[in-house]
Amino acid sequence: MAKQHLIVKEVAIRTLKTNGNDFICITDIAKQKNSLEPKDVVKNWFRLKNTLEYLGLWEQLNNPNFKGVEFDPLLKEAGSNAFTMSPTRWIELTNAIGIVTKSGAGGGTFAKRKTN
C-alpha cells in the first residue's frame, strides 16, 4: 500500500494505492468542515439519501459482487432522522469496493478515485 498526498486549499489530502486502485481520503476532506471530529462529518454524509444513491449507482456499475438486495432497504431509510450509516457498515452490508476504511494512526475513510 503506497501512501501519498494531494494539496487542496493548503491542506494535505492523503491518497492510497492498494491492489492497483487509487483512493482519496474523504476523512481528510471532512477535516475542513470539522477538524476535531471529521469521522462524524463522514458518518453524516453517509446518512444522506443523495450520498447513498450515488454510492449505490457507482457500485452497481463497477462491482459485480454488489449486494443490491441489501442496498434497497437502506435507500428507503436514508435521510430519516433515525437512520444511521457508517462507512464500515456500508461496506459490510453491501460488499462495497468503492470505499475502504483503515483503523488506527493514519487511518480514515478512503473513496476510489477512478475506475480501471
Protein backbone atom coordinates (compact mmCIF):
# COMPACT_ATOMS: atom_id res chain seq x y z
CA MET A 1 0.00 0.00 0.00
CA ALA A 2 1.63 3.18 -1.18
CA LYS A 3 0.57 6.38 0.55
CA GLN A 4 0.92 9.84 -0.95
CA HIS A 5 -0.98 13.10 -0.64
CA LEU A 6 -2.50 15.94 -2.65
CA ILE A 7 -2.57 19.56 -1.54
CA VAL A 8 -6.04 21.15 -1.74
CA LYS A 9 -6.53 24.66 -0.36
CA GLU A 10 -3.24 24.30 1.50
CA VAL A 11 -4.41 21.09 3.21
CA ALA A 12 -2.82 17.69 2.67
CA ILE A 13 -5.30 15.07 1.47
CA ARG A 14 -3.88 11.57 1.71
CA THR A 15 -4.15 9.11 -1.13
CA LEU A 16 -3.83 5.36 -1.01
CA LYS A 17 -2.90 2.88 -3.70
CA THR A 18 -3.86 -0.69 -2.96
CA ASN A 19 -4.23 -3.62 -5.35
CA GLY A 20 -3.80 -1.27 -8.33
CA ASN A 21 -6.63 1.01 -7.20
CA ASP A 22 -6.29 4.68 -6.25
CA PHE A 23 -8.23 6.03 -3.26
CA ILE A 24 -8.53 9.53 -1.77
CA CYS A 25 -9.09 10.17 1.94
CA ILE A 26 -12.51 11.67 2.49
CA THR A 27 -11.74 11.91 6.20
CA ASP A 28 -9.07 14.48 5.35
CA ILE A 29 -11.59 16.38 3.22
CA ALA A 30 -14.04 16.30 6.14
CA LYS A 31 -11.41 17.94 8.38
CA GLN A 32 -12.12 21.17 6.51
CA LYS A 33 -15.66 21.10 8.00
CA ASN A 34 -14.79 19.79 11.45
CA SER A 35 -11.13 19.43 12.34
CA LEU A 36 -11.87 17.84 15.73
CA GLU A 37 -14.31 15.12 14.63
CA PRO A 38 -14.02 14.53 10.87
CA LYS A 39 -15.37 11.00 11.25
CA ASP A 40 -18.69 12.48 12.34
CA VAL A 41 -18.82 14.53 9.15
CA VAL A 42 -18.21 11.37 7.11
CA LYS A 43 -20.92 9.49 9.01
CA ASN A 44 -23.34 12.37 8.37
CA TRP A 45 -22.55 12.24 4.65
CA PHE A 46 -23.37 8.53 4.70
CA ARG A 47 -26.81 9.27 6.20
CA LEU A 48 -27.87 11.36 3.21
CA LYS A 49 -30.11 9.82 0.59
CA ASN A 50 -28.19 11.52 -2.25
CA THR A 51 -24.92 10.04 -1.00
CA LEU A 52 -26.33 6.51 -0.85
CA GLU A 53 -27.96 6.92 -4.28
CA TYR A 54 -24.60 7.89 -5.73
CA LEU A 55 -22.66 5.15 -3.93
CA GLY A 56 -25.25 2.53 -4.87
CA LEU A 57 -25.20 3.52 -8.54
CA TRP A 58 -21.39 3.55 -8.58
CA GLU A 59 -21.28 0.07 -7.04
CA GLN A 60 -23.91 -1.28 -9.46
CA LEU A 61 -21.81 -0.05 -12.41
CA ASN A 62 -18.41 -1.12 -11.08
CA ASN A 63 -18.90 -4.01 -8.68
CA PRO A 64 -20.32 -7.32 -9.93
CA ASN A 65 -20.50 -8.55 -6.30
CA PHE A 66 -22.52 -5.59 -5.00
CA LYS A 67 -25.43 -6.75 -2.83
CA GLY A 68 -28.27 -4.74 -4.35
CA VAL A 69 -30.83 -6.64 -2.30
CA GLU A 70 -29.19 -5.28 0.86
CA PHE A 71 -28.96 -1.80 -0.65
CA ASP A 72 -32.67 -1.25 -1.42
CA PRO A 73 -33.90 -1.11 2.21
CA LEU A 74 -31.02 1.23 3.13
CA LEU A 75 -32.02 3.65 0.39
CA LYS A 76 -35.62 3.68 1.61
CA GLU A 77 -34.48 4.59 5.15
CA ALA A 78 -31.78 7.07 4.15
CA GLY A 79 -32.37 10.65 5.21
CA SER A 80 -34.80 9.86 8.02
CA ASN A 81 -33.98 11.15 11.49
CA ALA A 82 -33.47 7.65 12.89
CA PHE A 83 -31.26 6.42 10.05
CA THR A 84 -27.56 5.95 10.77
CA MET A 85 -24.84 4.67 8.50
CA SER A 86 -21.08 4.34 8.74
CA PRO A 87 -18.59 3.55 6.01
CA THR A 88 -17.75 0.24 7.70
CA ARG A 89 -21.42 -0.76 7.89
CA TRP A 90 -21.92 0.25 4.23
CA ILE A 91 -19.01 -1.99 3.18
CA GLU A 92 -20.16 -4.93 5.30
CA LEU A 93 -23.82 -4.80 4.23
CA THR A 94 -23.34 -4.24 0.51
CA ASN A 95 -19.92 -5.74 -0.24
CA ALA A 96 -18.86 -2.30 -1.49
CA ILE A 97 -15.46 -1.83 -3.15
CA GLY A 98 -15.56 1.92 -3.82
CA ILE A 99 -14.98 2.77 -0.15
CA VAL A 100 -12.30 1.39 2.16
CA THR A 101 -11.65 2.13 5.81
CA LYS A 102 -8.38 1.96 7.71
CA SER A 103 -8.18 1.90 11.51
CA GLY A 104 -5.59 3.33 13.85
CA ALA A 105 -2.98 6.01 13.35
CA GLY A 106 -3.10 7.23 9.77
CA GLY A 107 -6.48 5.64 9.30
CA GLY A 108 -9.63 7.06 7.80
CA THR A 109 -12.21 6.50 5.10
CA PHE A 110 -10.99 6.41 1.53
CA ALA A 111 -13.05 6.61 -1.68
CA LYS A 112 -11.97 5.20 -5.00
CA ARG A 113 -10.63 7.90 -7.31
CA LYS A 114 -11.23 6.26 -10.65
CA THR A 115 -12.32 3.04 -12.24
CA ASN A 116 -9.90 0.78 -14.05
